[in-house]
């Protein structure tokens, strides 16, 4: 089976951008893949400025299964806690309800709670272990389609070209995408 290389430009080096790069790398190595996906992540912030926005998050059994497909489930289990119950409150402190989490009986896995920054670190470490590319201080200022390619210009004057562009930088994605 022939393999066609396609390069994907990922704008945003947070959880979504890093997870996407890892999944593209996994797809590239699958024996039935007819595409050789490569990717580069372009992150607007410097490497020293970790993107630790947000607080805690819960990973349900399906979320653990997704991370297991990347081989990251054990790291998540080791670096998180088991979430036994979720409470929902109003802004004024009135309890709206409680949700008891399945402890693995129904779905084979419990609910895990962790800081968003911990998941960010787990994905960053795996990205580095696999040798996948991320470039820092790359703020997008212009995007153009040029024939069959997409072209991006960054604020520092550098450019990148790829087959696809994916905006994975959250709600701050500029409307140019």
N, C-alpha and C. Protein backbone atom coordinates (compact mmCIF):
# COMPACT_ATOMS: atom_id res chain seq x y z
N UNK A 1 0.84 -1.18 0.00
CA UNK A 1 0.00 0.00 0.00
C UNK A 1 0.89 1.24 0.00
N UNK A 2 0.66 2.15 -0.92
CA UNK A 2 1.49 3.35 -0.98
C UNK A 2 1.05 4.34 0.09
N UNK A 3 1.97 5.17 0.49
CA UNK A 3 1.71 6.13 1.55
C UNK A 3 1.96 7.53 1.02
N UNK A 4 0.96 8.39 1.17
CA UNK A 4 1.05 9.77 0.75
C UNK A 4 1.30 10.64 1.97
N UNK A 5 2.41 11.39 1.97
CA UNK A 5 2.68 12.24 3.12
C UNK A 5 1.83 13.49 3.07
N UNK A 6 1.22 13.80 4.21
CA UNK A 6 0.44 15.02 4.34
C UNK A 6 0.84 15.68 5.65
N UNK A 7 1.20 16.98 5.53
CA UNK A 7 1.65 17.71 6.71
C UNK A 7 0.53 18.59 7.23
N UNK A 8 0.30 18.49 8.53
CA UNK A 8 -0.78 19.24 9.18
C UNK A 8 -0.17 20.28 10.10
N UNK A 9 -0.57 21.53 9.91
CA UNK A 9 -0.16 22.63 10.76
C UNK A 9 -1.20 22.74 11.87
N UNK A 10 -0.76 22.61 13.12
CA UNK A 10 -1.67 22.70 14.27
C UNK A 10 -1.38 24.00 14.99
N UNK A 11 -2.36 24.87 15.02
CA UNK A 11 -2.19 26.15 15.69
C UNK A 11 -2.75 26.02 17.10
N UNK A 12 -1.85 26.02 18.08
CA UNK A 12 -2.24 25.89 19.48
C UNK A 12 -1.58 24.68 20.12
N UNK A 13 -0.80 24.92 21.16
CA UNK A 13 -0.07 23.86 21.84
C UNK A 13 -0.63 23.48 23.19
N UNK A 14 -1.94 23.62 23.34
CA UNK A 14 -2.58 23.18 24.58
C UNK A 14 -2.94 21.71 24.51
N UNK A 15 -3.90 21.31 25.32
CA UNK A 15 -4.30 19.91 25.39
C UNK A 15 -4.80 19.40 24.04
N UNK A 16 -5.66 20.15 23.38
CA UNK A 16 -6.23 19.69 22.10
C UNK A 16 -5.16 19.56 21.02
N UNK A 17 -4.30 20.56 20.88
CA UNK A 17 -3.26 20.52 19.86
C UNK A 17 -2.27 19.39 20.08
N UNK A 18 -1.88 19.18 21.32
CA UNK A 18 -0.93 18.11 21.62
C UNK A 18 -1.56 16.74 21.42
N UNK A 19 -2.80 16.58 21.87
CA UNK A 19 -3.48 15.30 21.67
C UNK A 19 -3.64 15.00 20.18
N UNK A 20 -4.00 16.00 19.40
CA UNK A 20 -4.14 15.81 17.96
C UNK A 20 -2.83 15.36 17.33
N UNK A 21 -1.73 16.00 17.68
CA UNK A 21 -0.44 15.62 17.13
C UNK A 21 -0.10 14.16 17.48
N UNK A 22 -0.40 13.76 18.71
CA UNK A 22 -0.14 12.37 19.13
C UNK A 22 -1.01 11.39 18.34
N UNK A 23 -2.27 11.74 18.10
CA UNK A 23 -3.14 10.85 17.34
C UNK A 23 -2.73 10.77 15.87
N UNK A 24 -2.28 11.87 15.30
CA UNK A 24 -1.79 11.84 13.92
C UNK A 24 -0.55 10.95 13.81
N UNK A 25 0.31 11.02 14.80
CA UNK A 25 1.49 10.18 14.82
C UNK A 25 1.09 8.71 14.92
N UNK A 26 0.09 8.43 15.73
CA UNK A 26 -0.41 7.05 15.87
C UNK A 26 -0.99 6.57 14.54
N UNK A 27 -1.77 7.41 13.88
CA UNK A 27 -2.38 7.04 12.59
C UNK A 27 -1.30 6.76 11.55
N UNK A 28 -0.24 7.54 11.57
CA UNK A 28 0.85 7.38 10.61
C UNK A 28 1.50 6.01 10.74
N UNK A 29 1.59 5.52 11.97
CA UNK A 29 2.29 4.25 12.19
C UNK A 29 1.38 3.02 12.08
N UNK A 30 0.09 3.23 11.86
CA UNK A 30 -0.83 2.09 11.75
C UNK A 30 -0.55 1.34 10.44
N UNK A 31 -0.50 0.01 10.49
CA UNK A 31 -0.14 -0.75 9.28
C UNK A 31 -1.12 -0.60 8.12
N UNK A 32 -2.36 -0.23 8.38
CA UNK A 32 -3.33 -0.07 7.29
C UNK A 32 -3.46 1.37 6.80
N UNK A 33 -2.69 2.27 7.39
CA UNK A 33 -2.78 3.67 7.00
C UNK A 33 -2.27 3.88 5.58
N UNK A 34 -3.04 4.60 4.80
CA UNK A 34 -2.60 4.93 3.44
C UNK A 34 -2.04 6.35 3.38
N UNK A 35 -2.02 7.02 4.53
CA UNK A 35 -1.49 8.38 4.60
C UNK A 35 -0.38 8.43 5.64
N UNK A 36 0.63 9.16 5.33
CA UNK A 36 1.73 9.37 6.25
C UNK A 36 1.57 10.78 6.82
N UNK A 37 0.86 10.88 7.93
CA UNK A 37 0.61 12.18 8.53
C UNK A 37 1.82 12.64 9.32
N UNK A 38 2.21 13.87 9.08
CA UNK A 38 3.20 14.54 9.91
C UNK A 38 2.54 15.82 10.40
N UNK A 39 3.04 16.36 11.48
CA UNK A 39 2.45 17.60 11.98
C UNK A 39 3.49 18.43 12.69
N UNK A 40 3.21 19.70 12.76
CA UNK A 40 3.98 20.63 13.57
C UNK A 40 2.97 21.47 14.35
N UNK A 41 3.21 21.60 15.64
CA UNK A 41 2.38 22.46 16.49
C UNK A 41 3.05 23.82 16.56
N UNK A 42 2.24 24.87 16.41
CA UNK A 42 2.73 26.24 16.53
C UNK A 42 2.02 26.88 17.71
N UNK A 43 2.78 27.22 18.73
CA UNK A 43 2.26 27.79 19.96
C UNK A 43 2.68 29.24 20.08
N UNK A 44 1.74 30.12 20.38
CA UNK A 44 2.01 31.56 20.45
C UNK A 44 2.90 31.94 21.63
N UNK A 45 2.82 31.19 22.71
CA UNK A 45 3.56 31.56 23.91
C UNK A 45 4.94 30.92 23.95
N UNK A 46 5.86 31.51 24.74
CA UNK A 46 7.19 30.89 24.87
C UNK A 46 7.11 29.56 25.64
N UNK A 47 8.09 28.71 25.43
CA UNK A 47 8.12 27.42 26.10
C UNK A 47 8.11 27.57 27.62
N UNK A 48 8.75 28.61 28.10
CA UNK A 48 8.84 28.83 29.56
C UNK A 48 7.50 29.20 30.17
N UNK A 49 6.54 29.62 29.35
CA UNK A 49 5.22 30.02 29.86
C UNK A 49 4.24 28.88 29.62
N UNK A 50 4.18 27.98 30.57
CA UNK A 50 3.29 26.83 30.43
C UNK A 50 1.85 27.28 30.43
N UNK A 51 1.05 26.59 29.68
CA UNK A 51 -0.36 26.95 29.54
C UNK A 51 -1.19 26.26 30.61
N UNK A 52 -1.05 26.74 31.83
CA UNK A 52 -1.75 26.13 32.95
C UNK A 52 -3.07 26.83 33.24
N UNK A 53 -3.77 27.20 32.20
CA UNK A 53 -5.07 27.83 32.39
C UNK A 53 -6.07 26.77 32.81
N UNK A 54 -7.04 27.17 33.58
CA UNK A 54 -8.07 26.23 33.99
C UNK A 54 -7.72 25.56 35.30
N UNK A 55 -8.70 24.89 35.84
CA UNK A 55 -8.52 24.23 37.13
C UNK A 55 -8.51 22.73 36.97
N UNK A 56 -9.41 22.09 37.70
CA UNK A 56 -9.48 20.64 37.66
C UNK A 56 -10.40 20.16 36.55
N UNK A 57 -10.27 18.89 36.25
CA UNK A 57 -11.17 18.28 35.28
C UNK A 57 -11.40 16.83 35.67
N UNK A 58 -12.51 16.30 35.21
CA UNK A 58 -12.85 14.91 35.46
C UNK A 58 -12.70 14.10 34.18
N UNK A 59 -12.11 12.94 34.31
CA UNK A 59 -11.98 12.05 33.16
C UNK A 59 -12.86 10.83 33.40
N UNK A 60 -13.92 10.74 32.63
CA UNK A 60 -14.84 9.61 32.69
C UNK A 60 -14.20 8.40 32.02
N UNK A 61 -14.82 7.22 32.16
CA UNK A 61 -14.23 6.02 31.54
C UNK A 61 -13.93 6.17 30.05
N UNK A 62 -14.79 6.87 29.31
CA UNK A 62 -14.50 7.04 27.87
C UNK A 62 -13.29 7.94 27.65
N UNK A 63 -13.05 8.91 28.51
CA UNK A 63 -11.86 9.75 28.42
C UNK A 63 -10.59 8.96 28.71
N UNK A 64 -10.67 8.08 29.70
CA UNK A 64 -9.53 7.21 30.01
C UNK A 64 -9.25 6.28 28.83
N UNK A 65 -10.31 5.79 28.19
CA UNK A 65 -10.14 4.90 27.03
C UNK A 65 -9.44 5.62 25.88
N UNK A 66 -9.77 6.89 25.67
CA UNK A 66 -9.11 7.66 24.62
C UNK A 66 -7.63 7.81 24.93
N UNK A 67 -7.30 8.14 26.17
CA UNK A 67 -5.89 8.28 26.55
C UNK A 67 -5.17 6.93 26.54
N UNK A 68 -5.91 5.85 26.83
CA UNK A 68 -5.32 4.50 26.76
C UNK A 68 -4.89 4.17 25.34
N UNK A 69 -5.64 4.66 24.36
CA UNK A 69 -5.27 4.38 22.97
C UNK A 69 -3.96 5.06 22.58
N UNK A 70 -3.54 6.04 23.39
CA UNK A 70 -2.22 6.67 23.19
C UNK A 70 -1.18 6.09 24.14
N UNK A 71 -1.59 5.13 24.96
CA UNK A 71 -0.68 4.53 25.93
C UNK A 71 -0.45 5.40 27.16
N UNK A 72 -1.38 6.30 27.46
CA UNK A 72 -1.19 7.26 28.56
C UNK A 72 -2.08 7.00 29.76
N UNK A 73 -2.87 5.93 29.73
CA UNK A 73 -3.82 5.68 30.81
C UNK A 73 -3.15 5.44 32.16
N UNK A 74 -2.05 4.71 32.19
CA UNK A 74 -1.36 4.45 33.46
C UNK A 74 -0.80 5.73 34.07
N UNK A 75 -0.27 6.60 33.23
CA UNK A 75 0.23 7.88 33.75
C UNK A 75 -0.90 8.68 34.37
N UNK A 76 -2.07 8.66 33.70
CA UNK A 76 -3.22 9.39 34.23
C UNK A 76 -3.62 8.80 35.58
N UNK A 77 -3.70 7.48 35.67
CA UNK A 77 -4.10 6.84 36.93
C UNK A 77 -3.11 7.18 38.05
N UNK A 78 -1.82 7.19 37.73
CA UNK A 78 -0.80 7.46 38.73
C UNK A 78 -0.79 8.91 39.19
N UNK A 79 -1.20 9.82 38.31
CA UNK A 79 -1.06 11.25 38.61
C UNK A 79 -2.40 11.93 38.85
N UNK A 80 -3.43 11.14 39.12
CA UNK A 80 -4.75 11.72 39.40
C UNK A 80 -5.35 11.03 40.62
N UNK A 81 -6.54 11.40 40.95
CA UNK A 81 -7.24 10.77 42.06
C UNK A 81 -8.58 10.23 41.58
N UNK A 82 -9.09 9.25 42.31
CA UNK A 82 -10.39 8.70 41.97
C UNK A 82 -11.47 9.66 42.48
N UNK A 83 -12.36 9.97 41.61
CA UNK A 83 -13.46 10.89 41.93
C UNK A 83 -14.69 10.04 42.25
N UNK A 84 -15.12 10.10 43.49
CA UNK A 84 -16.23 9.26 43.93
C UNK A 84 -17.59 9.93 43.75
N UNK A 85 -17.60 11.26 43.75
CA UNK A 85 -18.87 11.97 43.69
C UNK A 85 -18.66 13.38 43.14
N UNK A 86 -19.62 13.85 42.38
CA UNK A 86 -19.62 15.24 41.92
C UNK A 86 -20.80 15.96 42.56
N UNK A 87 -20.56 17.16 43.02
CA UNK A 87 -21.62 18.00 43.58
C UNK A 87 -21.80 19.21 42.68
N UNK A 88 -23.04 19.59 42.46
CA UNK A 88 -23.38 20.73 41.62
C UNK A 88 -24.02 21.80 42.49
N UNK A 89 -23.43 23.01 42.45
CA UNK A 89 -23.85 24.11 43.30
C UNK A 89 -24.25 25.33 42.47
N UNK A 90 -25.14 26.13 43.02
CA UNK A 90 -25.43 27.42 42.40
C UNK A 90 -24.32 28.39 42.80
N UNK A 91 -24.33 29.56 42.19
CA UNK A 91 -23.34 30.59 42.55
C UNK A 91 -23.51 31.03 43.99
N UNK A 92 -24.69 30.88 44.55
CA UNK A 92 -24.94 31.33 45.93
C UNK A 92 -24.73 30.22 46.96
N UNK A 93 -24.29 29.05 46.49
CA UNK A 93 -23.96 28.01 47.44
C UNK A 93 -25.07 27.00 47.73
N UNK A 94 -26.11 27.02 46.95
CA UNK A 94 -27.18 26.04 47.13
C UNK A 94 -26.84 24.76 46.37
N UNK A 95 -26.90 23.63 47.06
CA UNK A 95 -26.62 22.36 46.42
C UNK A 95 -27.75 21.99 45.47
N UNK A 96 -27.42 21.82 44.20
CA UNK A 96 -28.41 21.44 43.20
C UNK A 96 -28.56 19.93 43.11
N UNK A 97 -27.47 19.24 43.29
CA UNK A 97 -27.53 17.79 43.19
C UNK A 97 -26.19 17.14 43.39
N UNK A 98 -26.23 15.82 43.58
CA UNK A 98 -25.02 15.02 43.75
C UNK A 98 -25.07 13.89 42.74
N UNK A 99 -23.91 13.54 42.26
CA UNK A 99 -23.81 12.44 41.31
C UNK A 99 -22.76 11.49 41.84
N UNK A 100 -23.18 10.29 42.18
CA UNK A 100 -22.26 9.24 42.62
C UNK A 100 -21.65 8.62 41.38
N UNK A 101 -20.33 8.54 41.35
CA UNK A 101 -19.65 7.98 40.19
C UNK A 101 -19.53 6.48 40.30
N UNK A 102 -19.69 5.84 39.16
CA UNK A 102 -19.48 4.41 39.04
C UNK A 102 -18.03 4.11 39.39
N UNK A 103 -17.79 3.10 40.15
CA UNK A 103 -16.42 2.77 40.55
C UNK A 103 -15.84 1.67 39.68
N UNK A 104 -16.32 1.59 38.47
CA UNK A 104 -15.79 0.61 37.54
C UNK A 104 -16.69 -0.58 37.33
N UNK A 105 -17.77 -0.69 38.11
CA UNK A 105 -18.65 -1.84 37.97
C UNK A 105 -19.34 -1.85 36.61
N UNK A 106 -19.88 -0.73 36.21
CA UNK A 106 -20.66 -0.67 34.97
C UNK A 106 -19.78 -0.47 33.73
N UNK A 107 -18.79 0.40 33.82
CA UNK A 107 -18.01 0.77 32.65
C UNK A 107 -16.58 0.23 32.68
N UNK A 108 -16.22 -0.51 33.72
CA UNK A 108 -14.89 -1.10 33.80
C UNK A 108 -13.81 -0.14 34.25
N UNK A 109 -14.19 1.08 34.54
CA UNK A 109 -13.23 2.12 34.92
C UNK A 109 -13.97 3.15 35.74
N UNK A 110 -13.29 3.73 36.70
CA UNK A 110 -13.90 4.78 37.49
C UNK A 110 -13.70 6.15 36.86
N UNK A 111 -14.15 7.16 37.58
CA UNK A 111 -13.96 8.56 37.18
C UNK A 111 -12.71 9.06 37.88
N UNK A 112 -11.87 9.76 37.15
CA UNK A 112 -10.63 10.30 37.72
C UNK A 112 -10.68 11.82 37.69
N UNK A 113 -10.15 12.41 38.73
CA UNK A 113 -10.04 13.87 38.80
C UNK A 113 -8.58 14.27 38.81
N UNK A 114 -8.27 15.31 38.08
CA UNK A 114 -6.88 15.80 38.03
C UNK A 114 -6.88 17.27 37.67
N UNK A 115 -5.75 17.89 37.88
CA UNK A 115 -5.59 19.27 37.44
C UNK A 115 -5.37 19.26 35.93
N UNK A 116 -5.91 20.25 35.27
CA UNK A 116 -5.72 20.38 33.83
C UNK A 116 -4.23 20.46 33.50
N UNK A 117 -3.47 21.11 34.35
CA UNK A 117 -2.03 21.25 34.13
C UNK A 117 -1.33 19.89 34.15
N UNK A 118 -1.83 18.94 34.91
CA UNK A 118 -1.23 17.61 34.95
C UNK A 118 -1.43 16.90 33.62
N UNK A 119 -2.63 16.99 33.06
CA UNK A 119 -2.88 16.39 31.75
C UNK A 119 -2.02 17.07 30.68
N UNK A 120 -1.88 18.38 30.78
CA UNK A 120 -1.01 19.14 29.87
C UNK A 120 0.42 18.58 29.94
N UNK A 121 0.92 18.36 31.15
CA UNK A 121 2.28 17.83 31.32
C UNK A 121 2.42 16.42 30.76
N UNK A 122 1.43 15.56 30.99
CA UNK A 122 1.46 14.19 30.48
C UNK A 122 1.56 14.20 28.95
N UNK A 123 0.74 15.02 28.30
CA UNK A 123 0.77 15.12 26.84
C UNK A 123 2.09 15.72 26.35
N UNK A 124 2.60 16.73 27.04
CA UNK A 124 3.87 17.36 26.67
C UNK A 124 5.02 16.37 26.74
N UNK A 125 5.05 15.58 27.80
CA UNK A 125 6.11 14.59 27.98
C UNK A 125 6.06 13.54 26.87
N UNK A 126 4.84 13.11 26.50
CA UNK A 126 4.72 12.10 25.44
C UNK A 126 5.10 12.68 24.08
N UNK A 127 4.73 13.91 23.84
CA UNK A 127 5.11 14.59 22.60
C UNK A 127 6.64 14.62 22.47
N UNK A 128 7.30 14.98 23.55
CA UNK A 128 8.77 15.04 23.55
C UNK A 128 9.36 13.64 23.40
N UNK A 129 8.81 12.66 24.09
CA UNK A 129 9.32 11.28 24.01
C UNK A 129 9.26 10.76 22.57
N UNK A 130 8.20 11.13 21.85
CA UNK A 130 8.06 10.67 20.46
C UNK A 130 8.81 11.54 19.45
N UNK A 131 9.37 12.63 19.91
CA UNK A 131 10.13 13.50 19.02
C UNK A 131 9.25 14.29 18.07
N UNK A 132 8.02 14.60 18.49
CA UNK A 132 7.12 15.37 17.64
C UNK A 132 7.41 16.85 17.78
N UNK A 133 7.16 17.59 16.70
CA UNK A 133 7.59 19.00 16.62
C UNK A 133 6.58 19.96 17.22
N UNK A 134 7.11 20.88 18.01
CA UNK A 134 6.33 22.01 18.49
C UNK A 134 7.25 23.23 18.44
N UNK A 135 6.75 24.31 17.87
CA UNK A 135 7.51 25.55 17.80
C UNK A 135 6.79 26.60 18.65
N UNK A 136 7.56 27.28 19.48
CA UNK A 136 7.02 28.26 20.41
C UNK A 136 7.21 29.67 19.88
N UNK A 137 6.46 30.59 20.46
CA UNK A 137 6.48 32.01 20.09
C UNK A 137 6.12 32.18 18.61
N UNK A 138 5.09 31.48 18.19
CA UNK A 138 4.62 31.53 16.80
C UNK A 138 3.16 32.00 16.79
N UNK A 139 2.99 33.29 16.80
CA UNK A 139 1.66 33.88 16.78
C UNK A 139 1.23 34.11 15.33
N UNK A 140 0.12 33.51 14.95
CA UNK A 140 -0.37 33.60 13.57
C UNK A 140 -0.86 35.01 13.29
N UNK A 141 -0.45 35.54 12.14
CA UNK A 141 -0.97 36.85 11.74
C UNK A 141 -1.64 36.79 10.36
N UNK A 142 -1.38 35.74 9.57
CA UNK A 142 -1.99 35.67 8.24
C UNK A 142 -2.07 34.20 7.81
N UNK A 143 -3.19 33.86 7.18
CA UNK A 143 -3.40 32.51 6.64
C UNK A 143 -3.90 32.65 5.21
N UNK A 144 -3.33 31.88 4.29
CA UNK A 144 -3.77 31.90 2.89
C UNK A 144 -3.80 30.50 2.32
N UNK A 145 -4.72 30.27 1.40
CA UNK A 145 -4.69 29.05 0.61
C UNK A 145 -3.89 29.36 -0.64
N UNK A 146 -2.95 28.50 -0.94
CA UNK A 146 -2.11 28.67 -2.14
C UNK A 146 -2.13 27.36 -2.90
N UNK A 147 -3.02 27.29 -3.87
CA UNK A 147 -3.19 26.04 -4.62
C UNK A 147 -3.75 24.97 -3.71
N UNK A 148 -3.05 23.86 -3.64
CA UNK A 148 -3.47 22.75 -2.79
C UNK A 148 -2.91 22.83 -1.37
N UNK A 149 -2.21 23.89 -1.05
CA UNK A 149 -1.54 24.03 0.25
C UNK A 149 -2.15 25.19 1.04
N UNK A 150 -1.87 25.17 2.33
CA UNK A 150 -2.23 26.30 3.20
C UNK A 150 -0.91 26.91 3.67
N UNK A 151 -0.89 28.23 3.73
CA UNK A 151 0.31 28.97 4.06
C UNK A 151 0.00 29.86 5.26
N UNK A 152 0.91 29.89 6.23
CA UNK A 152 0.72 30.68 7.44
C UNK A 152 1.91 31.59 7.64
N UNK A 153 1.62 32.84 7.96
CA UNK A 153 2.68 33.78 8.32
C UNK A 153 2.54 34.08 9.81
N UNK A 154 3.68 34.11 10.50
CA UNK A 154 3.69 34.37 11.93
C UNK A 154 4.20 35.78 12.21
N UNK A 155 3.90 36.27 13.39
CA UNK A 155 4.27 37.64 13.77
C UNK A 155 5.78 37.88 13.73
N UNK A 156 6.58 36.83 13.88
CA UNK A 156 8.03 37.00 13.85
C UNK A 156 8.60 37.01 12.43
N UNK A 157 7.70 36.96 11.42
CA UNK A 157 8.12 37.02 10.03
C UNK A 157 8.37 35.67 9.37
N UNK A 158 8.36 34.59 10.15
CA UNK A 158 8.54 33.26 9.57
C UNK A 158 7.23 32.76 8.99
N UNK A 159 7.33 31.73 8.15
CA UNK A 159 6.15 31.15 7.52
C UNK A 159 6.19 29.63 7.63
N UNK A 160 5.04 29.02 7.38
CA UNK A 160 4.93 27.56 7.35
C UNK A 160 3.93 27.21 6.27
N UNK A 161 4.12 26.02 5.68
CA UNK A 161 3.23 25.54 4.64
C UNK A 161 2.85 24.10 4.96
N UNK A 162 1.59 23.76 4.71
CA UNK A 162 1.14 22.40 4.95
C UNK A 162 -0.04 22.06 4.07
N UNK A 163 -0.50 20.84 4.23
CA UNK A 163 -1.66 20.37 3.48
C UNK A 163 -2.97 20.75 4.16
N UNK A 164 -2.93 20.82 5.49
CA UNK A 164 -4.11 21.19 6.27
C UNK A 164 -3.69 22.08 7.41
N UNK A 165 -4.62 22.91 7.88
CA UNK A 165 -4.40 23.76 9.04
C UNK A 165 -5.55 23.50 10.01
N UNK A 166 -5.20 23.25 11.26
CA UNK A 166 -6.22 23.03 12.29
C UNK A 166 -5.99 24.03 13.41
N UNK A 167 -7.00 24.83 13.69
CA UNK A 167 -6.95 25.78 14.80
C UNK A 167 -7.36 25.07 16.07
N UNK A 168 -6.41 24.88 16.99
CA UNK A 168 -6.66 24.17 18.24
C UNK A 168 -6.24 25.03 19.43
N UNK A 169 -6.45 26.33 19.29
CA UNK A 169 -6.03 27.22 20.36
C UNK A 169 -7.21 27.79 21.14
N UNK A 170 -8.26 27.00 21.21
CA UNK A 170 -9.38 27.37 22.06
C UNK A 170 -10.20 28.51 21.52
N UNK A 171 -10.83 29.18 22.44
CA UNK A 171 -11.77 30.23 22.04
C UNK A 171 -11.08 31.49 21.53
N UNK A 172 -9.77 31.52 21.58
CA UNK A 172 -9.05 32.69 21.11
C UNK A 172 -8.63 32.57 19.65
N UNK A 173 -9.09 31.52 18.95
CA UNK A 173 -8.75 31.34 17.55
C UNK A 173 -9.22 32.56 16.76
N UNK A 174 -8.31 33.20 16.04
CA UNK A 174 -8.72 34.39 15.27
C UNK A 174 -9.67 34.00 14.15
N UNK A 175 -10.52 34.91 13.74
CA UNK A 175 -11.49 34.60 12.68
C UNK A 175 -10.85 34.37 11.31
N UNK A 176 -9.53 34.59 11.19
CA UNK A 176 -8.86 34.33 9.91
C UNK A 176 -8.90 32.86 9.55
N UNK A 177 -9.08 32.00 10.53
CA UNK A 177 -9.11 30.58 10.25
C UNK A 177 -10.43 30.31 9.60
